[in-house]
Amino acid sequence: MQAADGGLDEARRQGVVIWHVDVAASGASLLALEAETPRLAASDHRRATVAGGGDPDHPQARERRAVYIALRWALELAFGAGAVRGRDMQRSALGRPSLTGCAGDFSLAHVSGHALVAITGHGSVGIDIECTRPVRMTDRRRAAIERAGAALDAGVPLPQGPDLFFKAWVRLEACAKAHRISMARVLTLAGALGGASPPPEQDILGSLRANSGLSAQASATMIVQDLQPAPGLFGAMVWVGDANTVAGCVRPADFRQLPATLDALKSAVA
């Protein structure tokens, strides 16, 4: 069992804690957890209902609600129940959620059946997840996206092999979230949107920092971590923070599987 206030200490020490939510495995338990001890705000229920076309019992609404519960559970583990339960999420103009009272940062990404939650005690974090699917795109734009994804961190080569596009895309999406800018802006800077030619690789990071929604000091150091939560899924985490803080962490991220049973979910935050 891990005390809730210990979760934030661990997030600070490790850098970032990432939770993978397999909705098929844990969705029913998450909904049962909410029925026993409500954590969601009314706005969460409304957003989930919209995802179900206005029907709160639609499978998509139930899945979205389970993902929101998983996010609240993970935040409670890190920041404590008082900072999380029933509190309204604020959303930026870009749709990025935040929660007043949480002494850190978090990011959520969701595709059908799966979600990723990233939590850090300092700095800014972004996470993204994608599944293999057909994509119609010009060769020029695809090449620019793959090139930009590889350029984000020269020390972490972009995983090669099939689905290179998706591996690059999730890096860029996570980077956009961490830097608090739109994906359209990131693609423009990378030369993958609009008529401009792709910039030299060494200029991509400089352009991101210059256009970041964070201060220059806050965006001094960036860490990229590639993820593959399950076959056919691709994810990436980007963590932006002060160089001294980043250097003092044991590792950039600790990847975990969200518990699938109700008892395990309850005991973790007891």
C-alpha atoms as a PDB file:
ATOM      1  CA  MET A   1       0.000   0.000   0.000  1.00  0.00           C
ATOM      2  CA  GLN A   2       1.239   3.479  -0.840  1.00  0.00           C
ATOM      3  CA  ALA A   3       0.095   6.540   1.044  1.00  0.00           C
ATOM      4  CA  ALA A   4      -1.350   9.285  -1.100  1.00  0.00           C
ATOM      5  CA  ASP A   5       1.153  11.905   0.072  1.00  0.00           C
ATOM      6  CA  GLY A   6       4.002   9.513  -0.785  1.00  0.00           C
ATOM      7  CA  GLY A   7       2.958   9.504  -4.421  1.00  0.00           C
ATOM      8  CA  LEU A   8       4.055  13.084  -4.979  1.00  0.00           C
ATOM      9  CA  ASP A   9       7.400  12.458  -3.283  1.00  0.00           C
ATOM     10  CA  GLU A  10       7.940   9.560  -5.647  1.00  0.00           C
ATOM     11  CA  ALA A  11       6.926  11.633  -8.663  1.00  0.00           C
ATOM     12  CA  ARG A  12       9.483  14.244  -7.635  1.00  0.00           C
ATOM     13  CA  ARG A  13      12.201  11.654  -7.172  1.00  0.00           C
ATOM     14  CA  GLN A  14      11.482   9.700 -10.354  1.00  0.00           C
ATOM     15  CA  GLY A  15      10.640  12.706 -12.489  1.00  0.00           C
ATOM     16  CA  VAL A  16       7.388  11.429 -14.008  1.00  0.00           C
ATOM     17  CA  VAL A  17       5.008   8.599 -13.150  1.00  0.00           C
ATOM     18  CA  ILE A  18       3.010   7.211 -16.090  1.00  0.00           C
ATOM     19  CA  TRP A  19      -0.110   5.084 -15.718  1.00  0.00           C
ATOM     20  CA  HIS A  20      -1.488   2.936 -18.532  1.00  0.00           C
ATOM     21  CA  VAL A  21      -5.263   2.452 -18.340  1.00  0.00           C
ATOM     22  CA  ASP A  22      -6.539  -0.670 -20.109  1.00  0.00           C
ATOM     23  CA  VAL A  23     -10.245   0.140 -20.104  1.00  0.00           C
ATOM     24  CA  ALA A  24     -11.311  -3.406 -20.984  1.00  0.00           C
ATOM     25  CA  ALA A  25      -9.427  -4.716 -17.950  1.00  0.00           C
ATOM     26  CA  SER A  26     -10.149  -1.982 -15.409  1.00  0.00           C
ATOM     27  CA  GLY A  27     -13.202  -0.069 -16.672  1.00  0.00           C
ATOM     28  CA  ALA A  28     -15.827  -1.951 -14.649  1.00  0.00           C
ATOM     29  CA  SER A  29     -13.731  -1.667 -11.484  1.00  0.00           C
ATOM     30  CA  LEU A  30     -13.226   2.070 -12.028  1.00  0.00           C
ATOM     31  CA  LEU A  31     -16.971   2.640 -12.421  1.00  0.00           C
ATOM     32  CA  ALA A  32     -17.612   0.582  -9.272  1.00  0.00           C
ATOM     33  CA  LEU A  33     -14.980   2.638  -7.434  1.00  0.00           C
ATOM     34  CA  GLU A  34     -16.804   5.838  -8.396  1.00  0.00           C
ATOM     35  CA  ALA A  35     -20.140   4.393  -7.270  1.00  0.00           C
ATOM     36  CA  GLU A  36     -18.671   3.670  -3.827  1.00  0.00           C
ATOM     37  CA  THR A  37     -16.684   6.898  -3.397  1.00  0.00           C
ATOM     38  CA  PRO A  38     -17.409   9.697  -5.894  1.00  0.00           C
ATOM     39  CA  ARG A  39     -14.367  11.532  -7.208  1.00  0.00           C
ATOM     40  CA  LEU A  40     -15.656  13.112 -10.426  1.00  0.00           C
ATOM     41  CA  ALA A  41     -16.991  16.632 -10.759  1.00  0.00           C
ATOM     42  CA  ALA A  42     -20.333  17.321 -12.415  1.00  0.00           C
ATOM     43  CA  SER A  43     -18.430  18.663 -15.430  1.00  0.00           C
ATOM     44  CA  ASP A  44     -16.720  15.279 -15.875  1.00  0.00           C
ATOM     45  CA  HIS A  45     -20.095  13.549 -16.081  1.00  0.00           C
ATOM     46  CA  ARG A  46     -21.308  16.116 -18.612  1.00  0.00           C
ATOM     47  CA  ARG A  47     -18.260  15.652 -20.846  1.00  0.00           C
ATOM     48  CA  ALA A  48     -18.620  11.886 -20.704  1.00  0.00           C
ATOM     49  CA  THR A  49     -22.299  12.117 -21.616  1.00  0.00           C
ATOM     50  CA  VAL A  50     -21.465  14.303 -24.621  1.00  0.00           C
ATOM     51  CA  ALA A  51     -19.008  11.615 -25.777  1.00  0.00           C
ATOM     52  CA  GLY A  52     -21.940   9.186 -25.716  1.00  0.00           C
ATOM     53  CA  GLY A  53     -24.106  11.394 -27.877  1.00  0.00           C
ATOM     54  CA  GLY A  54     -26.154  12.530 -24.878  1.00  0.00           C
ATOM     55  CA  ASP A  55     -26.694   9.027 -23.480  1.00  0.00           C
ATOM     56  CA  PRO A  56     -24.836   8.584 -20.152  1.00  0.00           C
ATOM     57  CA  ASP A  57     -25.059   4.787 -20.496  1.00  0.00           C
ATOM     58  CA  HIS A  58     -23.664   4.662 -24.032  1.00  0.00           C
ATOM     59  CA  PRO A  59     -20.465   2.535 -24.178  1.00  0.00           C
ATOM     60  CA  GLN A  60     -18.419   5.571 -25.233  1.00  0.00           C
ATOM     61  CA  ALA A  61     -19.796   7.610 -22.335  1.00  0.00           C
ATOM     62  CA  ARG A  62     -19.002   4.811 -19.875  1.00  0.00           C
ATOM     63  CA  GLU A  63     -15.473   4.485 -21.264  1.00  0.00           C
ATOM     64  CA  ARG A  64     -14.850   8.220 -21.082  1.00  0.00           C
ATOM     65  CA  ARG A  65     -16.159   8.267 -17.509  1.00  0.00           C
ATOM     66  CA  ALA A  66     -13.842   5.366 -16.586  1.00  0.00           C
ATOM     67  CA  VAL A  67     -10.869   7.263 -18.037  1.00  0.00           C
ATOM     68  CA  TYR A  68     -11.767  10.358 -16.010  1.00  0.00           C
ATOM     69  CA  ILE A  69     -12.032   8.222 -12.873  1.00  0.00           C
ATOM     70  CA  ALA A  70      -8.614   6.717 -13.595  1.00  0.00           C
ATOM     71  CA  LEU A  71      -7.167  10.205 -13.953  1.00  0.00           C
ATOM     72  CA  ARG A  72      -8.687  11.288 -10.629  1.00  0.00           C
ATOM     73  CA  TRP A  73      -7.451   8.100  -8.949  1.00  0.00           C
ATOM     74  CA  ALA A  74      -3.884   8.674 -10.159  1.00  0.00           C
ATOM     75  CA  LEU A  75      -3.969  12.339  -9.152  1.00  0.00           C
ATOM     76  CA  GLU A  76      -5.308  11.435  -5.724  1.00  0.00           C
ATOM     77  CA  LEU A  77      -2.468   8.971  -5.276  1.00  0.00           C
ATOM     78  CA  ALA A  78       0.014  11.744  -6.044  1.00  0.00           C
ATOM     79  CA  PHE A  79      -1.567  14.833  -4.530  1.00  0.00           C
ATOM     80  CA  GLY A  80      -4.085  13.605  -1.948  1.00  0.00           C
ATOM     81  CA  ALA A  81      -7.869  13.335  -1.895  1.00  0.00           C
ATOM     82  CA  GLY A  82      -8.447  16.916  -0.764  1.00  0.00           C
ATOM     83  CA  ALA A  83      -6.840  18.355  -3.881  1.00  0.00           C
ATOM     84  CA  VAL A  84      -8.731  16.096  -6.274  1.00  0.00           C
ATOM     85  CA  ARG A  85     -12.149  14.776  -5.256  1.00  0.00           C
ATOM     86  CA  GLY A  86     -15.080  16.597  -6.809  1.00  0.00           C
ATOM     87  CA  ARG A  87     -13.015  19.599  -7.897  1.00  0.00           C
ATOM     88  CA  ASP A  88     -13.677  21.096 -11.314  1.00  0.00           C
ATOM     89  CA  MET A  89     -10.971  20.743 -13.939  1.00  0.00           C
ATOM     90  CA  GLN A  90      -9.916  23.944 -15.640  1.00  0.00           C
ATOM     91  CA  ARG A  91      -9.198  23.710 -19.365  1.00  0.00           C
ATOM     92  CA  SER A  92      -6.989  26.021 -21.368  1.00  0.00           C
ATOM     93  CA  ALA A  93      -7.929  27.420 -24.779  1.00  0.00           C
ATOM     94  CA  LEU A  94      -6.122  24.378 -26.207  1.00  0.00           C
ATOM     95  CA  GLY A  95      -8.202  21.997 -24.071  1.00  0.00           C
ATOM     96  CA  ARG A  96      -5.381  21.099 -21.682  1.00  0.00           C
ATOM     97  CA  PRO A  97      -6.827  20.139 -18.250  1.00  0.00           C
ATOM     98  CA  SER A  98      -5.460  21.428 -14.963  1.00  0.00           C
ATOM     99  CA  LEU A  99      -6.569  21.254 -11.356  1.00  0.00           C
ATOM    100  CA  THR A 100      -6.023  24.075  -8.899  1.00  0.00           C
ATOM    101  CA  GLY A 101      -4.425  22.756  -5.719  1.00  0.00           C
ATOM    102  CA  CYS A 102      -2.296  20.052  -7.313  1.00  0.00           C
ATOM    103  CA  ALA A 103       1.345  20.749  -6.487  1.00  0.00           C
ATOM    104  CA  GLY A 104       2.609  19.525  -9.843  1.00  0.00           C
ATOM    105  CA  ASP A 105       1.539  18.902 -13.417  1.00  0.00           C
ATOM    106  CA  PHE A 106      -0.263  16.156 -15.319  1.00  0.00           C
ATOM    107  CA  SER A 107      -1.301  15.157 -18.819  1.00  0.00           C
ATOM    108  CA  LEU A 108      -3.954  12.783 -20.182  1.00  0.00           C
ATOM    109  CA  ALA A 109      -4.213  11.021 -23.544  1.00  0.00           C
ATOM    110  CA  HIS A 110      -6.965   8.643 -24.659  1.00  0.00           C
ATOM    111  CA  VAL A 111      -7.738   6.417 -27.637  1.00  0.00           C
ATOM    112  CA  SER A 112     -10.450   3.792 -27.861  1.00  0.00           C
ATOM    113  CA  GLY A 113      -9.880   1.260 -25.089  1.00  0.00           C
ATOM    114  CA  HIS A 114      -6.706   2.782 -23.642  1.00  0.00           C
ATOM    115  CA  ALA A 115      -5.430   5.896 -21.901  1.00  0.00           C
ATOM    116  CA  LEU A 116      -2.163   7.223 -20.513  1.00  0.00           C
ATOM    117  CA  VAL A 117      -1.810   9.535 -17.516  1.00  0.00           C
ATOM    118  CA  ALA A 118       1.492  11.287 -16.790  1.00  0.00           C
ATOM    119  CA  ILE A 119       2.118  13.046 -13.461  1.00  0.00           C
ATOM    120  CA  THR A 120       5.118  15.040 -12.296  1.00  0.00           C
ATOM    121  CA  GLY A 121       5.932  16.950  -9.138  1.00  0.00           C
ATOM    122  CA  HIS A 122       7.698  19.716 -11.070  1.00  0.00           C
ATOM    123  CA  GLY A 123       8.111  21.049 -14.565  1.00  0.00           C
ATOM    124  CA  SER A 124       5.606  20.524 -17.366  1.00  0.00           C
ATOM    125  CA  VAL A 125       4.652  17.141 -18.811  1.00  0.00           C
ATOM    126  CA  GLY A 126       2.863  16.068 -21.977  1.00  0.00           C
ATOM    127  CA  ILE A 127       1.746  12.615 -23.060  1.00  0.00           C
ATOM    128  CA  ASP A 128       0.105  11.173 -26.144  1.00  0.00           C
ATOM    129  CA  ILE A 129      -1.142   7.800 -27.379  1.00  0.00           C
ATOM    130  CA  GLU A 130      -2.137   6.624 -30.859  1.00  0.00           C
ATOM    131  CA  CYS A 131      -3.267   3.376 -32.436  1.00  0.00           C
ATOM    132  CA  THR A 132      -2.348   1.979 -35.829  1.00  0.00           C
ATOM    133  CA  ARG A 133      -4.809   3.226 -38.432  1.00  0.00           C
ATOM    134  CA  PRO A 134      -4.870   4.372 -42.055  1.00  0.00           C
ATOM    135  CA  VAL A 135      -3.556   7.909 -42.565  1.00  0.00           C
ATOM    136  CA  ARG A 136      -3.918   9.876 -45.794  1.00  0.00           C
ATOM    137  CA  MET A 137      -1.055  12.355 -46.074  1.00  0.00           C
ATOM    138  CA  THR A 138       1.411  13.585 -48.657  1.00  0.00           C
ATOM    139  CA  ASP A 139       4.867  12.029 -48.625  1.00  0.00           C
ATOM    140  CA  ARG A 140       6.376  15.467 -48.006  1.00  0.00           C
ATOM    141  CA  ARG A 141       4.311  16.096 -44.891  1.00  0.00           C
ATOM    142  CA  ARG A 142       4.831  12.587 -43.560  1.00  0.00           C
ATOM    143  CA  ALA A 143       8.612  12.900 -44.001  1.00  0.00           C
ATOM    144  CA  ALA A 144       8.635  16.280 -42.234  1.00  0.00           C
ATOM    145  CA  ILE A 145       6.735  14.854 -39.250  1.00  0.00           C
ATOM    146  CA  GLU A 146       9.047  11.849 -38.987  1.00  0.00           C
ATOM    147  CA  ARG A 147      12.102  14.102 -39.252  1.00  0.00           C
ATOM    148  CA  ALA A 148      10.798  16.493 -36.593  1.00  0.00           C
ATOM    149  CA  GLY A 149       9.941  13.624 -34.244  1.00  0.00           C
ATOM    150  CA  ALA A 150      13.472  12.268 -34.560  1.00  0.00           C
ATOM    151  CA  ALA A 151      14.968  15.722 -33.964  1.00  0.00           C
ATOM    152  CA  LEU A 152      13.246  16.270 -30.608  1.00  0.00           C
ATOM    153  CA  ASP A 153      15.934  14.362 -28.725  1.00  0.00           C
ATOM    154  CA  ALA A 154      19.150  13.379 -30.468  1.00  0.00           C
ATOM    155  CA  GLY A 155      20.033  11.184 -27.501  1.00  0.00           C
ATOM    156  CA  VAL A 156      16.868   9.100 -27.882  1.00  0.00           C
ATOM    157  CA  PRO A 157      16.657   7.828 -31.478  1.00  0.00           C
ATOM    158  CA  LEU A 158      13.164   7.489 -32.895  1.00  0.00           C
ATOM    159  CA  PRO A 159      12.275   3.763 -32.786  1.00  0.00           C
ATOM    160  CA  GLN A 160      12.635   2.352 -36.294  1.00  0.00           C
ATOM    161  CA  GLY A 161      10.541  -0.249 -38.057  1.00  0.00           C
ATOM    162  CA  PRO A 162       6.851  -0.192 -38.997  1.00  0.00           C
ATOM    163  CA  ASP A 163       4.599   2.712 -38.030  1.00  0.00           C
ATOM    164  CA  LEU A 164       7.431   5.235 -37.898  1.00  0.00           C
ATOM    165  CA  PHE A 165       4.905   8.002 -38.575  1.00  0.00           C
ATOM    166  CA  PHE A 166       2.881   7.247 -35.440  1.00  0.00           C
ATOM    167  CA  LYS A 167       6.025   7.049 -33.310  1.00  0.00           C
ATOM    168  CA  ALA A 168       6.993  10.523 -34.506  1.00  0.00           C
ATOM    169  CA  TRP A 169       3.464  11.916 -34.215  1.00  0.00           C
ATOM    170  CA  VAL A 170       3.014  11.010 -30.538  1.00  0.00           C
ATOM    171  CA  ARG A 171       6.361  12.638 -29.748  1.00  0.00           C
ATOM    172  CA  LEU A 172       5.240  15.876 -31.369  1.00  0.00           C
ATOM    173  CA  GLU A 173       1.801  15.794 -29.726  1.00  0.00           C
ATOM    174  CA  ALA A 174       3.354  15.195 -26.298  1.00  0.00           C
ATOM    175  CA  CYS A 175       5.814  18.003 -26.991  1.00  0.00           C
ATOM    176  CA  ALA A 176       2.979  20.373 -27.870  1.00  0.00           C
ATOM    177  CA  LYS A 177       1.205  19.545 -24.612  1.00  0.00           C
ATOM    178  CA  ALA A 178       4.350  19.953 -22.517  1.00  0.00           C
ATOM    179  CA  HIS A 179       5.171  23.310 -24.122  1.00  0.00           C
ATOM    180  CA  ARG A 180       1.514  24.517 -23.901  1.00  0.00           C
ATOM    181  CA  ILE A 181       1.222  25.233 -27.619  1.00  0.00           C
ATOM    182  CA  SER A 182      -1.056  23.837 -30.310  1.00  0.00           C
ATOM    183  CA  MET A 183      -0.186  20.832 -32.439  1.00  0.00           C
ATOM    184  CA  ALA A 184      -0.806  23.010 -35.488  1.00  0.00           C
ATOM    185  CA  ARG A 185       1.920  25.368 -34.263  1.00  0.00           C
ATOM    186  CA  VAL A 186       4.350  22.492 -33.735  1.00  0.00           C
ATOM    187  CA  LEU A 187       3.648  21.138 -37.231  1.00  0.00           C
ATOM    188  CA  THR A 188       4.139  24.598 -38.716  1.00  0.00           C
ATOM    189  CA  LEU A 189       7.483  25.014 -36.942  1.00  0.00           C
ATOM    190  CA  ALA A 190       8.521  21.585 -38.222  1.00  0.00           C
ATOM    191  CA  GLY A 191       7.626  22.477 -41.809  1.00  0.00           C
ATOM    192  CA  ALA A 192       4.854  19.859 -41.883  1.00  0.00           C
ATOM    193  CA  LEU A 193       2.003  22.374 -42.163  1.00  0.00           C
ATOM    194  CA  GLY A 194       1.849  25.289 -44.545  1.00  0.00           C
ATOM    195  CA  GLY A 195       4.156  26.048 -47.439  1.00  0.00           C
ATOM    196  CA  ALA A 196       7.431  26.578 -45.591  1.00  0.00           C
ATOM    197  CA  SER A 197      10.291  24.181 -46.135  1.00  0.00           C
ATOM    198  CA  PRO A 198      11.291  21.995 -43.173  1.00  0.00           C
ATOM    199  CA  PRO A 199      13.932  23.779 -41.060  1.00  0.00           C
ATOM    200  CA  PRO A 200      17.338  22.264 -40.294  1.00  0.00           C
ATOM    201  CA  GLU A 201      17.042  19.688 -37.522  1.00  0.00           C
ATOM    202  CA  GLN A 202      19.073  21.777 -35.098  1.00  0.00           C
ATOM    203  CA  ASP A 203      16.601  24.655 -35.525  1.00  0.00           C
ATOM    204  CA  ILE A 204      13.511  22.668 -34.552  1.00  0.00           C
ATOM    205  CA  LEU A 205      14.237  22.670 -30.814  1.00  0.00           C
ATOM    206  CA  GLY A 206      15.173  26.339 -30.857  1.00  0.00           C
ATOM    207  CA  SER A 207      11.910  27.185 -32.603  1.00  0.00           C
ATOM    208  CA  LEU A 208       9.930  25.197 -30.062  1.00  0.00           C
ATOM    209  CA  ARG A 209      11.559  26.991 -27.141  1.00  0.00           C
ATOM    210  CA  ALA A 210      11.041  30.380 -28.788  1.00  0.00           C
ATOM    211  CA  ASN A 211       7.344  29.667 -29.285  1.00  0.00           C
ATOM    212  CA  SER A 212       6.751  27.815 -26.007  1.00  0.00           C
ATOM    213  CA  GLY A 213       3.986  28.846 -23.651  1.00  0.00           C
ATOM    214  CA  LEU A 214       6.512  28.303 -20.844  1.00  0.00           C
ATOM    215  CA  SER A 215       9.213  30.697 -19.718  1.00  0.00           C
ATOM    216  CA  ALA A 216      12.681  30.236 -21.203  1.00  0.00           C
ATOM    217  CA  GLN A 217      13.996  29.015 -17.840  1.00  0.00           C
ATOM    218  CA  ALA A 218      11.128  26.550 -17.371  1.00  0.00           C
ATOM    219  CA  SER A 219      11.722  25.062 -20.821  1.00  0.00           C
ATOM    220  CA  ALA A 220      15.491  24.770 -20.434  1.00  0.00           C
ATOM    221  CA  THR A 221      15.651  20.978 -20.579  1.00  0.00           C
ATOM    222  CA  MET A 222      13.442  18.473 -22.361  1.00  0.00           C
ATOM    223  CA  ILE A 223      13.315  14.700 -21.944  1.00  0.00           C
ATOM    224  CA  VAL A 224      11.597  12.427 -24.464  1.00  0.00           C
ATOM    225  CA  GLN A 225      10.520   8.878 -23.658  1.00  0.00           C
ATOM    226  CA  ASP A 226       8.917   6.510 -26.175  1.00  0.00           C
ATOM    227  CA  LEU A 227       6.256   4.075 -24.985  1.00  0.00           C
ATOM    228  CA  GLN A 228       4.430   1.058 -26.364  1.00  0.00           C
ATOM    229  CA  PRO A 229       1.601   0.342 -23.893  1.00  0.00           C
ATOM    230  CA  ALA A 230       0.238  -2.604 -25.916  1.00  0.00           C
ATOM    231  CA  PRO A 231       0.581  -4.114 -29.399  1.00  0.00           C
ATOM    232  CA  GLY A 232      -0.642  -1.676 -32.030  1.00  0.00           C
ATOM    233  CA  LEU A 233      -0.389   1.287 -29.643  1.00  0.00           C
ATOM    234  CA  PHE A 234       2.268   3.985 -29.637  1.00  0.00           C
ATOM    235  CA  GLY A 235       2.892   6.584 -26.977  1.00  0.00           C
ATOM    236  CA  ALA A 236       5.389   9.211 -25.951  1.00  0.00           C
ATOM    237  CA  MET A 237       6.061  11.375 -22.928  1.00  0.00           C
ATOM    238  CA  VAL A 238       7.802  14.744 -23.065  1.00  0.00           C
ATOM    239  CA  TRP A 239       8.918  16.356 -19.839  1.00  0.00           C
ATOM    240  CA  VAL A 240      10.158  19.937 -19.773  1.00  0.00           C
ATOM    241  CA  GLY A 241      11.849  21.364 -16.722  1.00  0.00           C
ATOM    242  CA  ASP A 242      14.768  23.065 -15.068  1.00  0.00           C
ATOM    243  CA  ALA A 243      18.083  21.419 -15.946  1.00  0.00           C
ATOM    244  CA  ASN A 244      19.146  20.981 -12.308  1.00  0.00           C
ATOM    245  CA  THR A 245      15.836  19.361 -11.375  1.00  0.00           C
ATOM    246  CA  VAL A 246      15.933  16.990 -14.326  1.00  0.00           C
ATOM    247  CA  ALA A 247      19.521  15.964 -13.557  1.00  0.00           C
ATOM    248  CA  GLY A 248      18.578  15.146  -9.943  1.00  0.00           C
ATOM    249  CA  CYS A 249      15.914  12.593 -10.853  1.00  0.00           C
ATOM    250  CA  VAL A 250      16.526   8.864 -10.862  1.00  0.00           C
ATOM    251  CA  ARG A 251      14.991   8.382 -14.313  1.00  0.00           C
ATOM    252  CA  PRO A 252      12.601  10.315 -16.535  1.00  0.00           C
ATOM    253  CA  ALA A 253       9.522   8.141 -16.041  1.00  0.00           C
ATOM    254  CA  ASP A 254       8.223   5.142 -14.147  1.00  0.00           C
ATOM    255  CA  PHE A 255       5.703   3.227 -16.296  1.00  0.00           C
ATOM    256  CA  ARG A 256       2.909   1.423 -14.435  1.00  0.00           C
ATOM    257  CA  GLN A 257      -0.253  -0.512 -15.192  1.00  0.00           C
ATOM    258  CA  LEU A 258      -3.405   0.774 -13.531  1.00  0.00           C
ATOM    259  CA  PRO A 259      -4.841  -1.914 -11.211  1.00  0.00           C
ATOM    260  CA  ALA A 260      -7.657  -3.936 -12.751  1.00  0.00           C
ATOM    261  CA  THR A 261      -9.522  -4.987  -9.597  1.00  0.00           C
ATOM    262  CA  LEU A 262     -11.679  -2.883  -7.311  1.00  0.00           C
ATOM    263  CA  ASP A 263      -9.817  -4.034  -4.197  1.00  0.00           C
ATOM    264  CA  ALA A 264      -6.452  -3.030  -5.643  1.00  0.00           C
ATOM    265  CA  LEU A 265      -7.747   0.385  -6.670  1.00  0.00           C
ATOM    266  CA  LYS A 266      -9.234   0.988  -3.224  1.00  0.00           C
ATOM    267  CA  SER A 267      -6.195  -0.179  -1.259  1.00  0.00           C
ATOM    268  CA  ALA A 268      -3.795   2.024  -3.219  1.00  0.00           C
ATOM    269  CA  VAL A 269      -5.485   5.235  -2.113  1.00  0.00           C
ATOM    270  CA  ALA A 270      -6.640   4.071   1.321  1.00  0.00           C
END
